[in-house]
Amino acid sequence: MEILRKNIGQAVLEIVRGDITQQDTEAIVNAANKQLAPGGGVAGAIHRAAGPELWEECRKLGGCETGEAKISGGYRLKAKHVIHTVGPIYSGSAQDPVLLASCYRNSLELAAKHGIESISFPAISTGIFGYPIQEAAEVSLKAVRDFLQGNPGPVKLVRFVLFSEKDFDVYRAALEELLP
């Protein structure tokens, strides 16, 4: 498995190619829909791997607005927790990067609040929500870098898990530019 690592203060930022459902971090992030329901893409894969108990708990969380984050158990996943966040549906507006960055920041704040030291993210909003991968990589990596630089708390490992080689290459290039 290809891994790119960068140190940011007390923490490590990693980019790997792989399957988010197989990560051994304490939490994985679900690129969720507003109902937190099983669907396609990342959300469908996480719900299938976690088992029906995840949906049972998600139904009680009252949904989630774009840019916000909620936490649940991980059930049959290696991860103890799933942090659900709803990315923006790409429109090309000035709000898109603000909402996307808030997905990462709010997920990390929730992880820190729960004492979670390691977390894995997918490329939020880049699937069916249509966010261009290059822009998403820049926004998400900056949001994570800024959080880690400003919050030397419990979060010590942030991992981006990219499913395709192409997406991995885009994130790798964006990270090299952001943190040479």
N, C-alpha and C. Protein backbone atom coordinates (compact mmCIF):
# COMPACT_ATOMS: atom_id res chain seq x y z
N MET A 1 0.85 -1.19 0.00
CA MET A 1 0.00 0.00 0.00
C MET A 1 0.89 1.24 0.00
N GLU A 2 0.57 2.15 -0.89
CA GLU A 2 1.31 3.41 -0.98
C GLU A 2 0.83 4.36 0.11
N ILE A 3 1.77 4.95 0.84
CA ILE A 3 1.43 5.90 1.90
C ILE A 3 2.32 7.12 1.76
N LEU A 4 1.72 8.29 1.87
CA LEU A 4 2.47 9.54 1.95
C LEU A 4 2.17 10.12 3.32
N ARG A 5 3.23 10.47 4.09
CA ARG A 5 3.08 11.00 5.45
C ARG A 5 3.72 12.37 5.56
N LYS A 6 3.03 13.26 6.27
CA LYS A 6 3.58 14.58 6.58
C LYS A 6 3.30 14.86 8.05
N ASN A 7 4.28 15.40 8.76
CA ASN A 7 4.09 15.79 10.15
C ASN A 7 3.55 17.21 10.20
N ILE A 8 2.54 17.41 11.06
CA ILE A 8 1.97 18.73 11.28
C ILE A 8 1.91 18.91 12.79
N GLY A 9 2.83 19.65 13.33
CA GLY A 9 2.90 19.80 14.78
C GLY A 9 3.09 18.44 15.44
N GLN A 10 2.21 18.11 16.36
CA GLN A 10 2.26 16.84 17.10
C GLN A 10 1.60 15.70 16.32
N ALA A 11 0.98 16.00 15.20
CA ALA A 11 0.17 15.02 14.48
C ALA A 11 0.80 14.59 13.15
N VAL A 12 0.24 13.54 12.58
CA VAL A 12 0.66 13.02 11.28
C VAL A 12 -0.54 13.04 10.35
N LEU A 13 -0.31 13.52 9.14
CA LEU A 13 -1.32 13.48 8.08
C LEU A 13 -0.85 12.46 7.06
N GLU A 14 -1.70 11.49 6.76
CA GLU A 14 -1.37 10.43 5.79
C GLU A 14 -2.34 10.45 4.63
N ILE A 15 -1.84 10.05 3.48
CA ILE A 15 -2.67 9.79 2.31
C ILE A 15 -2.38 8.36 1.89
N VAL A 16 -3.43 7.56 1.79
CA VAL A 16 -3.27 6.15 1.39
C VAL A 16 -4.30 5.81 0.33
N ARG A 17 -3.99 4.82 -0.46
CA ARG A 17 -4.97 4.28 -1.39
C ARG A 17 -5.55 3.05 -0.73
N GLY A 18 -6.88 2.95 -0.65
CA GLY A 18 -7.48 1.80 0.00
C GLY A 18 -8.98 1.92 0.16
N ASP A 19 -9.48 1.10 1.07
CA ASP A 19 -10.91 0.98 1.36
C ASP A 19 -11.16 1.57 2.75
N ILE A 20 -11.97 2.60 2.83
CA ILE A 20 -12.23 3.26 4.11
C ILE A 20 -12.80 2.30 5.15
N THR A 21 -13.56 1.30 4.71
CA THR A 21 -14.18 0.38 5.67
C THR A 21 -13.17 -0.55 6.33
N GLN A 22 -11.96 -0.63 5.78
CA GLN A 22 -10.94 -1.52 6.31
C GLN A 22 -9.91 -0.81 7.20
N GLN A 23 -10.12 0.46 7.46
CA GLN A 23 -9.13 1.23 8.22
C GLN A 23 -9.17 0.88 9.70
N ASP A 24 -7.98 0.87 10.32
CA ASP A 24 -7.87 0.52 11.74
C ASP A 24 -7.77 1.75 12.63
N THR A 25 -8.16 2.92 12.12
CA THR A 25 -8.19 4.13 12.94
C THR A 25 -9.38 4.03 13.90
N GLU A 26 -9.35 4.82 14.97
CA GLU A 26 -10.44 4.78 15.95
C GLU A 26 -11.78 5.20 15.35
N ALA A 27 -11.72 6.11 14.37
CA ALA A 27 -12.93 6.58 13.70
C ALA A 27 -12.70 6.62 12.20
N ILE A 28 -13.78 6.36 11.46
CA ILE A 28 -13.79 6.62 10.03
C ILE A 28 -14.92 7.61 9.76
N VAL A 29 -14.77 8.38 8.70
CA VAL A 29 -15.77 9.39 8.36
C VAL A 29 -16.62 8.89 7.20
N ASN A 30 -17.92 9.03 7.39
CA ASN A 30 -18.89 8.66 6.37
C ASN A 30 -19.30 9.92 5.60
N ALA A 31 -19.13 9.89 4.28
CA ALA A 31 -19.64 10.95 3.41
C ALA A 31 -21.14 10.68 3.27
N ALA A 32 -21.90 11.23 4.20
CA ALA A 32 -23.30 10.85 4.39
C ALA A 32 -24.27 11.72 3.58
N ASN A 33 -25.51 11.24 3.53
CA ASN A 33 -26.62 12.05 3.04
C ASN A 33 -27.30 12.66 4.27
N LYS A 34 -28.20 13.60 4.07
CA LYS A 34 -28.81 14.34 5.19
C LYS A 34 -29.62 13.45 6.12
N GLN A 35 -30.09 12.30 5.64
CA GLN A 35 -30.85 11.38 6.49
C GLN A 35 -29.94 10.39 7.23
N LEU A 36 -28.64 10.40 6.91
CA LEU A 36 -27.65 9.45 7.44
C LEU A 36 -28.03 8.01 7.08
N ALA A 37 -28.75 7.87 5.97
CA ALA A 37 -29.26 6.57 5.53
C ALA A 37 -28.22 5.84 4.67
N PRO A 38 -28.32 4.51 4.63
CA PRO A 38 -27.47 3.77 3.69
C PRO A 38 -27.79 4.27 2.28
N GLY A 39 -26.80 4.38 1.45
CA GLY A 39 -27.02 4.83 0.08
C GLY A 39 -26.01 4.16 -0.80
N GLY A 40 -25.52 4.91 -1.77
CA GLY A 40 -24.47 4.39 -2.65
C GLY A 40 -23.12 4.86 -2.16
N GLY A 41 -22.09 4.61 -2.95
CA GLY A 41 -20.75 5.12 -2.68
C GLY A 41 -20.23 4.77 -1.30
N VAL A 42 -19.56 5.75 -0.67
CA VAL A 42 -18.93 5.56 0.64
C VAL A 42 -19.98 5.21 1.69
N ALA A 43 -21.09 5.93 1.71
CA ALA A 43 -22.12 5.68 2.73
C ALA A 43 -22.64 4.25 2.64
N GLY A 44 -22.90 3.78 1.43
CA GLY A 44 -23.39 2.41 1.25
C GLY A 44 -22.37 1.39 1.71
N ALA A 45 -21.10 1.61 1.35
CA ALA A 45 -20.04 0.68 1.74
C ALA A 45 -19.89 0.63 3.26
N ILE A 46 -19.92 1.78 3.92
CA ILE A 46 -19.78 1.82 5.38
C ILE A 46 -20.97 1.13 6.05
N HIS A 47 -22.17 1.42 5.60
CA HIS A 47 -23.36 0.78 6.20
C HIS A 47 -23.33 -0.74 6.00
N ARG A 48 -22.93 -1.19 4.81
CA ARG A 48 -22.86 -2.65 4.57
C ARG A 48 -21.83 -3.31 5.48
N ALA A 49 -20.66 -2.67 5.62
CA ALA A 49 -19.59 -3.25 6.43
C ALA A 49 -19.92 -3.21 7.93
N ALA A 50 -20.60 -2.15 8.37
CA ALA A 50 -20.90 -1.99 9.80
C ALA A 50 -22.06 -2.88 10.24
N GLY A 51 -22.96 -3.19 9.30
CA GLY A 51 -24.14 -4.00 9.65
C GLY A 51 -25.35 -3.13 9.94
N PRO A 52 -26.51 -3.76 10.09
CA PRO A 52 -27.78 -3.04 10.23
C PRO A 52 -27.87 -2.20 11.52
N GLU A 53 -27.06 -2.50 12.51
CA GLU A 53 -27.09 -1.73 13.75
C GLU A 53 -26.71 -0.27 13.52
N LEU A 54 -25.84 -0.02 12.53
CA LEU A 54 -25.45 1.36 12.23
C LEU A 54 -26.66 2.17 11.80
N TRP A 55 -27.46 1.64 10.91
CA TRP A 55 -28.65 2.36 10.46
C TRP A 55 -29.64 2.53 11.61
N GLU A 56 -29.76 1.52 12.47
CA GLU A 56 -30.65 1.62 13.63
C GLU A 56 -30.25 2.84 14.48
N GLU A 57 -28.95 3.00 14.73
CA GLU A 57 -28.49 4.15 15.53
C GLU A 57 -28.65 5.45 14.75
N CYS A 58 -28.31 5.45 13.47
CA CYS A 58 -28.39 6.67 12.66
C CYS A 58 -29.80 7.22 12.59
N ARG A 59 -30.78 6.34 12.57
CA ARG A 59 -32.19 6.79 12.52
C ARG A 59 -32.54 7.63 13.74
N LYS A 60 -31.84 7.40 14.85
CA LYS A 60 -32.13 8.12 16.10
C LYS A 60 -31.36 9.44 16.21
N LEU A 61 -30.43 9.70 15.28
CA LEU A 61 -29.60 10.90 15.36
C LEU A 61 -30.25 12.15 14.78
N GLY A 62 -31.39 12.00 14.12
CA GLY A 62 -32.13 13.16 13.64
C GLY A 62 -31.56 13.82 12.39
N GLY A 63 -30.84 13.05 11.58
CA GLY A 63 -30.30 13.62 10.35
C GLY A 63 -29.11 14.52 10.62
N CYS A 64 -28.64 15.16 9.55
CA CYS A 64 -27.43 15.99 9.65
C CYS A 64 -27.47 17.01 8.51
N GLU A 65 -27.17 18.25 8.82
CA GLU A 65 -27.16 19.30 7.80
C GLU A 65 -25.80 19.35 7.11
N THR A 66 -25.76 19.93 5.93
CA THR A 66 -24.52 20.09 5.17
C THR A 66 -23.48 20.82 6.00
N GLY A 67 -22.29 20.23 6.06
CA GLY A 67 -21.18 20.83 6.81
C GLY A 67 -21.11 20.41 8.26
N GLU A 68 -22.18 19.83 8.79
CA GLU A 68 -22.20 19.39 10.19
C GLU A 68 -21.68 17.97 10.30
N ALA A 69 -21.51 17.50 11.55
CA ALA A 69 -21.03 16.14 11.78
C ALA A 69 -21.73 15.54 13.00
N LYS A 70 -21.97 14.23 12.94
CA LYS A 70 -22.55 13.48 14.05
C LYS A 70 -21.76 12.18 14.21
N ILE A 71 -21.79 11.61 15.41
CA ILE A 71 -21.00 10.42 15.70
C ILE A 71 -21.88 9.24 16.09
N SER A 72 -21.44 8.07 15.71
CA SER A 72 -22.14 6.83 16.08
C SER A 72 -21.10 5.76 16.37
N GLY A 73 -21.59 4.61 16.78
CA GLY A 73 -20.70 3.45 16.96
C GLY A 73 -20.26 2.92 15.61
N GLY A 74 -19.24 2.06 15.63
CA GLY A 74 -18.72 1.46 14.40
C GLY A 74 -19.23 0.06 14.14
N TYR A 75 -19.81 -0.58 15.15
CA TYR A 75 -20.39 -1.91 15.02
C TYR A 75 -19.41 -2.92 14.45
N ARG A 76 -19.64 -3.45 13.27
CA ARG A 76 -18.78 -4.52 12.74
C ARG A 76 -17.51 -4.02 12.03
N LEU A 77 -17.31 -2.72 12.05
CA LEU A 77 -16.09 -2.14 11.45
C LEU A 77 -14.91 -2.31 12.41
N LYS A 78 -13.70 -2.18 11.90
CA LYS A 78 -12.52 -2.14 12.77
C LYS A 78 -12.55 -0.86 13.61
N ALA A 79 -13.04 0.22 13.04
CA ALA A 79 -13.14 1.51 13.73
C ALA A 79 -14.24 1.44 14.80
N LYS A 80 -13.96 2.01 15.97
CA LYS A 80 -14.93 2.05 17.06
C LYS A 80 -16.07 3.02 16.78
N HIS A 81 -15.77 4.05 15.98
CA HIS A 81 -16.74 5.11 15.74
C HIS A 81 -16.86 5.42 14.25
N VAL A 82 -18.04 5.89 13.86
CA VAL A 82 -18.25 6.47 12.53
C VAL A 82 -18.69 7.91 12.77
N ILE A 83 -17.98 8.83 12.14
CA ILE A 83 -18.39 10.23 12.17
C ILE A 83 -19.02 10.51 10.81
N HIS A 84 -20.27 10.94 10.86
CA HIS A 84 -21.05 11.18 9.64
C HIS A 84 -21.04 12.67 9.35
N THR A 85 -20.73 13.04 8.11
CA THR A 85 -20.78 14.44 7.70
C THR A 85 -21.37 14.53 6.31
N VAL A 86 -22.11 15.59 6.07
CA VAL A 86 -22.78 15.78 4.79
C VAL A 86 -22.05 16.86 4.01
N GLY A 87 -21.43 16.46 2.91
CA GLY A 87 -20.72 17.42 2.07
C GLY A 87 -21.68 18.16 1.17
N PRO A 88 -21.21 19.28 0.61
CA PRO A 88 -22.05 20.05 -0.30
C PRO A 88 -22.20 19.36 -1.66
N ILE A 89 -23.36 19.54 -2.26
CA ILE A 89 -23.54 19.16 -3.66
C ILE A 89 -22.91 20.30 -4.46
N TYR A 90 -21.92 19.97 -5.28
CA TYR A 90 -21.14 21.00 -5.97
C TYR A 90 -22.01 21.85 -6.89
N SER A 91 -21.88 23.18 -6.73
CA SER A 91 -22.64 24.11 -7.57
C SER A 91 -21.73 25.16 -8.21
N GLY A 92 -20.46 25.21 -7.78
CA GLY A 92 -19.57 26.24 -8.28
C GLY A 92 -19.69 27.55 -7.53
N SER A 93 -20.50 27.58 -6.47
CA SER A 93 -20.69 28.81 -5.70
C SER A 93 -19.56 29.00 -4.70
N ALA A 94 -19.47 30.20 -4.16
CA ALA A 94 -18.44 30.52 -3.16
C ALA A 94 -18.70 29.76 -1.86
N GLN A 95 -19.92 29.29 -1.65
CA GLN A 95 -20.25 28.54 -0.43
C GLN A 95 -19.68 27.12 -0.46
N ASP A 96 -19.46 26.56 -1.65
CA ASP A 96 -19.01 25.16 -1.74
C ASP A 96 -17.76 24.89 -0.90
N PRO A 97 -16.65 25.65 -1.09
CA PRO A 97 -15.45 25.36 -0.30
C PRO A 97 -15.64 25.63 1.20
N VAL A 98 -16.48 26.59 1.54
CA VAL A 98 -16.74 26.89 2.96
C VAL A 98 -17.44 25.69 3.61
N LEU A 99 -18.45 25.17 2.93
CA LEU A 99 -19.19 24.01 3.46
C LEU A 99 -18.32 22.76 3.49
N LEU A 100 -17.52 22.55 2.45
CA LEU A 100 -16.65 21.37 2.43
C LEU A 100 -15.63 21.44 3.55
N ALA A 101 -15.00 22.58 3.74
CA ALA A 101 -14.01 22.73 4.83
C ALA A 101 -14.68 22.48 6.18
N SER A 102 -15.93 22.94 6.34
CA SER A 102 -16.61 22.75 7.62
C SER A 102 -16.88 21.27 7.90
N CYS A 103 -17.04 20.46 6.85
CA CYS A 103 -17.20 19.01 7.06
C CYS A 103 -15.97 18.44 7.76
N TYR A 104 -14.80 18.81 7.30
CA TYR A 104 -13.56 18.30 7.88
C TYR A 104 -13.33 18.89 9.27
N ARG A 105 -13.50 20.19 9.42
CA ARG A 105 -13.29 20.84 10.71
C ARG A 105 -14.25 20.29 11.76
N ASN A 106 -15.55 20.21 11.42
CA ASN A 106 -16.53 19.72 12.40
C ASN A 106 -16.32 18.26 12.74
N SER A 107 -15.89 17.46 11.77
CA SER A 107 -15.58 16.05 12.05
C SER A 107 -14.40 15.95 13.00
N LEU A 108 -13.37 16.75 12.78
CA LEU A 108 -12.19 16.73 13.64
C LEU A 108 -12.52 17.27 15.04
N GLU A 109 -13.34 18.30 15.12
CA GLU A 109 -13.75 18.82 16.43
C GLU A 109 -14.53 17.78 17.22
N LEU A 110 -15.40 17.04 16.54
CA LEU A 110 -16.18 15.99 17.19
C LEU A 110 -15.25 14.85 17.65
N ALA A 111 -14.29 14.51 16.81
CA ALA A 111 -13.31 13.48 17.19
C ALA A 111 -12.55 13.92 18.44
N ALA A 112 -12.07 15.16 18.45
CA ALA A 112 -11.30 15.67 19.59
C ALA A 112 -12.15 15.67 20.86
N LYS A 113 -13.41 16.08 20.72
CA LYS A 113 -14.33 16.12 21.87
C LYS A 113 -14.52 14.73 22.48
N HIS A 114 -14.45 13.70 21.64
CA HIS A 114 -14.63 12.31 22.11
C HIS A 114 -13.29 11.62 22.41
N GLY A 115 -12.18 12.37 22.39
CA GLY A 115 -10.88 11.81 22.73
C GLY A 115 -10.32 10.86 21.68
N ILE A 116 -10.81 10.97 20.46
CA ILE A 116 -10.36 10.09 19.37
C ILE A 116 -9.00 10.57 18.86
N GLU A 117 -8.04 9.66 18.79
CA GLU A 117 -6.68 10.01 18.40
C GLU A 117 -6.38 9.78 16.92
N SER A 118 -7.17 8.92 16.25
CA SER A 118 -6.91 8.61 14.84
C SER A 118 -8.22 8.55 14.07
N ILE A 119 -8.19 9.13 12.87
CA ILE A 119 -9.41 9.25 12.06
C ILE A 119 -9.07 9.12 10.58
N SER A 120 -9.94 8.45 9.84
CA SER A 120 -9.77 8.30 8.39
C SER A 120 -10.92 8.99 7.66
N PHE A 121 -10.55 9.76 6.63
CA PHE A 121 -11.53 10.48 5.81
C PHE A 121 -11.54 9.93 4.39
N PRO A 122 -12.72 9.90 3.75
CA PRO A 122 -12.77 9.70 2.29
C PRO A 122 -12.66 11.08 1.63
N ALA A 123 -12.73 11.12 0.32
CA ALA A 123 -12.77 12.39 -0.41
C ALA A 123 -14.23 12.84 -0.46
N ILE A 124 -14.64 13.57 0.56
CA ILE A 124 -16.04 13.98 0.73
C ILE A 124 -16.53 14.81 -0.45
N SER A 125 -17.73 14.52 -0.90
CA SER A 125 -18.45 15.24 -1.96
C SER A 125 -17.94 14.99 -3.38
N THR A 126 -16.90 14.16 -3.55
CA THR A 126 -16.32 14.00 -4.90
C THR A 126 -16.99 12.91 -5.72
N GLY A 127 -17.91 12.17 -5.14
CA GLY A 127 -18.62 11.14 -5.89
C GLY A 127 -19.85 11.73 -6.55
N ILE A 128 -21.00 11.22 -6.14
CA ILE A 128 -22.27 11.64 -6.74
C ILE A 128 -22.57 13.13 -6.51
N PHE A 129 -21.94 13.75 -5.49
CA PHE A 129 -22.17 15.17 -5.22
C PHE A 129 -21.38 16.07 -6.16
N GLY A 130 -20.49 15.48 -6.98
CA GLY A 130 -19.89 16.18 -8.11
C GLY A 130 -18.78 17.19 -7.84
N TYR A 131 -18.23 17.21 -6.63
CA TYR A 131 -17.16 18.17 -6.33
C TYR A 131 -15.91 17.77 -7.11
N PRO A 132 -15.30 18.67 -7.89
CA PRO A 132 -14.09 18.32 -8.64
C PRO A 132 -12.96 17.90 -7.68
N ILE A 133 -12.34 16.78 -7.97
CA ILE A 133 -11.36 16.17 -7.07
C ILE A 133 -10.20 17.11 -6.74
N GLN A 134 -9.71 17.85 -7.72
CA GLN A 134 -8.58 18.76 -7.48
C GLN A 134 -8.95 19.83 -6.45
N GLU A 135 -10.09 20.47 -6.65
CA GLU A 135 -10.54 21.50 -5.71
C GLU A 135 -10.81 20.90 -4.34
N ALA A 136 -11.45 19.74 -4.32
CA ALA A 136 -11.77 19.08 -3.04
C ALA A 136 -10.49 18.74 -2.27
N ALA A 137 -9.47 18.27 -2.98
CA ALA A 137 -8.20 17.92 -2.33
C ALA A 137 -7.59 19.16 -1.67
N GLU A 138 -7.56 20.26 -2.39
CA GLU A 138 -6.97 21.49 -1.85
C GLU A 138 -7.74 21.99 -0.63
N VAL A 139 -9.07 22.03 -0.72
CA VAL A 139 -9.90 22.51 0.38
C VAL A 139 -9.76 21.60 1.60
N SER A 140 -9.84 20.30 1.39
CA SER A 140 -9.83 19.37 2.52
C SER A 140 -8.47 19.32 3.20
N LEU A 141 -7.41 19.29 2.43
CA LEU A 141 -6.07 19.24 3.03
C LEU A 141 -5.75 20.52 3.81
N LYS A 142 -6.16 21.67 3.28
CA LYS A 142 -5.95 22.93 4.00
C LYS A 142 -6.76 22.95 5.30
N ALA A 143 -7.99 22.47 5.24
CA ALA A 143 -8.84 22.46 6.44
C ALA A 143 -8.23 21.57 7.53
N VAL A 144 -7.72 20.42 7.14
CA VAL A 144 -7.10 19.51 8.10
C VAL A 144 -5.80 20.10 8.64
N ARG A 145 -4.98 20.63 7.75
CA ARG A 145 -3.73 21.27 8.20
C ARG A 145 -4.01 22.37 9.20
N ASP A 146 -4.96 23.25 8.88
CA ASP A 146 -5.27 24.37 9.76
C ASP A 146 -5.78 23.87 11.11
N PHE A 147 -6.61 22.84 11.10
CA PHE A 147 -7.12 22.29 12.36
C PHE A 147 -5.97 21.73 13.20
N LEU A 148 -5.11 20.92 12.58
CA LEU A 148 -4.01 20.30 13.33
C LEU A 148 -3.02 21.34 13.85
N GLN A 149 -2.78 22.39 13.09
CA GLN A 149 -1.86 23.44 13.56
C GLN A 149 -2.45 24.22 14.73
N GLY A 150 -3.76 24.37 14.75
CA GLY A 150 -4.42 25.17 15.79
C GLY A 150 -4.94 24.38 16.97
N ASN A 151 -4.91 23.06 16.90
CA ASN A 151 -5.49 22.22 17.94
C ASN A 151 -4.57 21.07 18.30
N PRO A 152 -3.56 21.32 19.13
CA PRO A 152 -2.65 20.23 19.51
C PRO A 152 -3.30 19.33 20.56
N GLY A 153 -4.46 18.81 20.23
CA GLY A 153 -5.23 18.00 21.18
C GLY A 153 -5.06 16.52 20.93
N PRO A 154 -6.13 15.80 21.17
CA PRO A 154 -6.03 14.34 21.12
C PRO A 154 -5.80 13.76 19.72
N VAL A 155 -6.22 14.45 18.66
CA VAL A 155 -6.11 13.88 17.31
C VAL A 155 -4.63 13.88 16.89
N LYS A 156 -4.07 12.68 16.72
CA LYS A 156 -2.65 12.52 16.39
C LYS A 156 -2.42 11.97 14.98
N LEU A 157 -3.46 11.37 14.40
CA LEU A 157 -3.34 10.82 13.05
C LEU A 157 -4.60 11.12 12.26
N VAL A 158 -4.41 11.78 11.12
CA VAL A 158 -5.51 12.01 10.17
C VAL A 158 -5.09 11.34 8.87
N ARG A 159 -5.91 10.42 8.40
CA ARG A 159 -5.61 9.66 7.19
C ARG A 159 -6.69 9.93 6.14
N PHE A 160 -6.25 10.28 4.94
CA PHE A 160 -7.16 10.36 3.79
C PHE A 160 -7.05 9.03 3.06
N VAL A 161 -8.17 8.38 2.85
CA VAL A 161 -8.20 7.08 2.18
C VAL A 161 -8.87 7.28 0.82
N LEU A 162 -8.07 7.14 -0.23
CA LEU A 162 -8.55 7.35 -1.58
C LEU A 162 -8.71 6.00 -2.26
N PHE A 163 -9.86 5.78 -2.86
CA PHE A 163 -10.19 4.48 -3.44
C PHE A 163 -9.47 4.23 -4.76
N SER A 164 -9.35 5.28 -5.59
CA SER A 164 -8.74 5.07 -6.92
C SER A 164 -7.31 5.61 -6.96
N GLU A 165 -6.53 5.07 -7.86
CA GLU A 165 -5.15 5.54 -8.08
C GLU A 165 -5.15 7.00 -8.51
N LYS A 166 -6.10 7.37 -9.37
CA LYS A 166 -6.21 8.74 -9.86
C LYS A 166 -6.45 9.71 -8.70
N ASP A 167 -7.40 9.39 -7.84
CA ASP A 167 -7.69 10.26 -6.70
C ASP A 167 -6.49 10.35 -5.76
N PHE A 168 -5.83 9.21 -5.53
CA PHE A 168 -4.63 9.20 -4.69
C PHE A 168 -3.57 10.14 -5.26
N ASP A 169 -3.36 10.08 -6.57
CA ASP A 169 -2.36 10.93 -7.22
C ASP A 169 -2.70 12.42 -7.09
N VAL A 170 -3.99 12.75 -7.21
CA VAL A 170 -4.42 14.14 -7.08
C VAL A 170 -4.17 14.64 -5.65
N TYR A 171 -4.53 13.84 -4.66
CA TYR A 171 -4.31 14.22 -3.26
C TYR A 171 -2.81 14.30 -2.94
N ARG A 172 -2.04 13.36 -3.47
CA ARG A 172 -0.60 13.39 -3.22
C ARG A 172 0.01 14.69 -3.75
N ALA A 173 -0.34 15.06 -4.98
CA ALA A 173 0.19 16.29 -5.57
C ALA A 173 -0.25 17.52 -4.77
N ALA A 174 -1.51 17.54 -4.35
CA ALA A 174 -2.02 18.67 -3.56
C ALA A 174 -1.31 18.77 -2.22
N LEU A 175 -1.04 17.63 -1.59
CA LEU A 175 -0.34 17.63 -0.30
C LEU A 175 1.11 18.07 -0.47
N GLU A 176 1.76 17.62 -1.52
CA GLU A 176 3.15 18.03 -1.78
C GLU A 176 3.24 19.54 -2.00
N GLU A 177 2.22 20.11 -2.63
CA GLU A 177 2.20 21.55 -2.86
C GLU A 177 1.91 22.31 -1.55
N LEU A 178 1.01 21.78 -0.74
CA LEU A 178 0.62 22.43 0.51
C LEU A 178 1.72 22.33 1.57
N LEU A 179 2.35 21.15 1.66
CA LEU A 179 3.40 20.90 2.66
C LEU A 179 4.61 20.27 1.98
N PRO A 180 5.43 21.08 1.29
CA PRO A 180 6.55 20.51 0.54
C PRO A 180 7.57 19.79 1.43
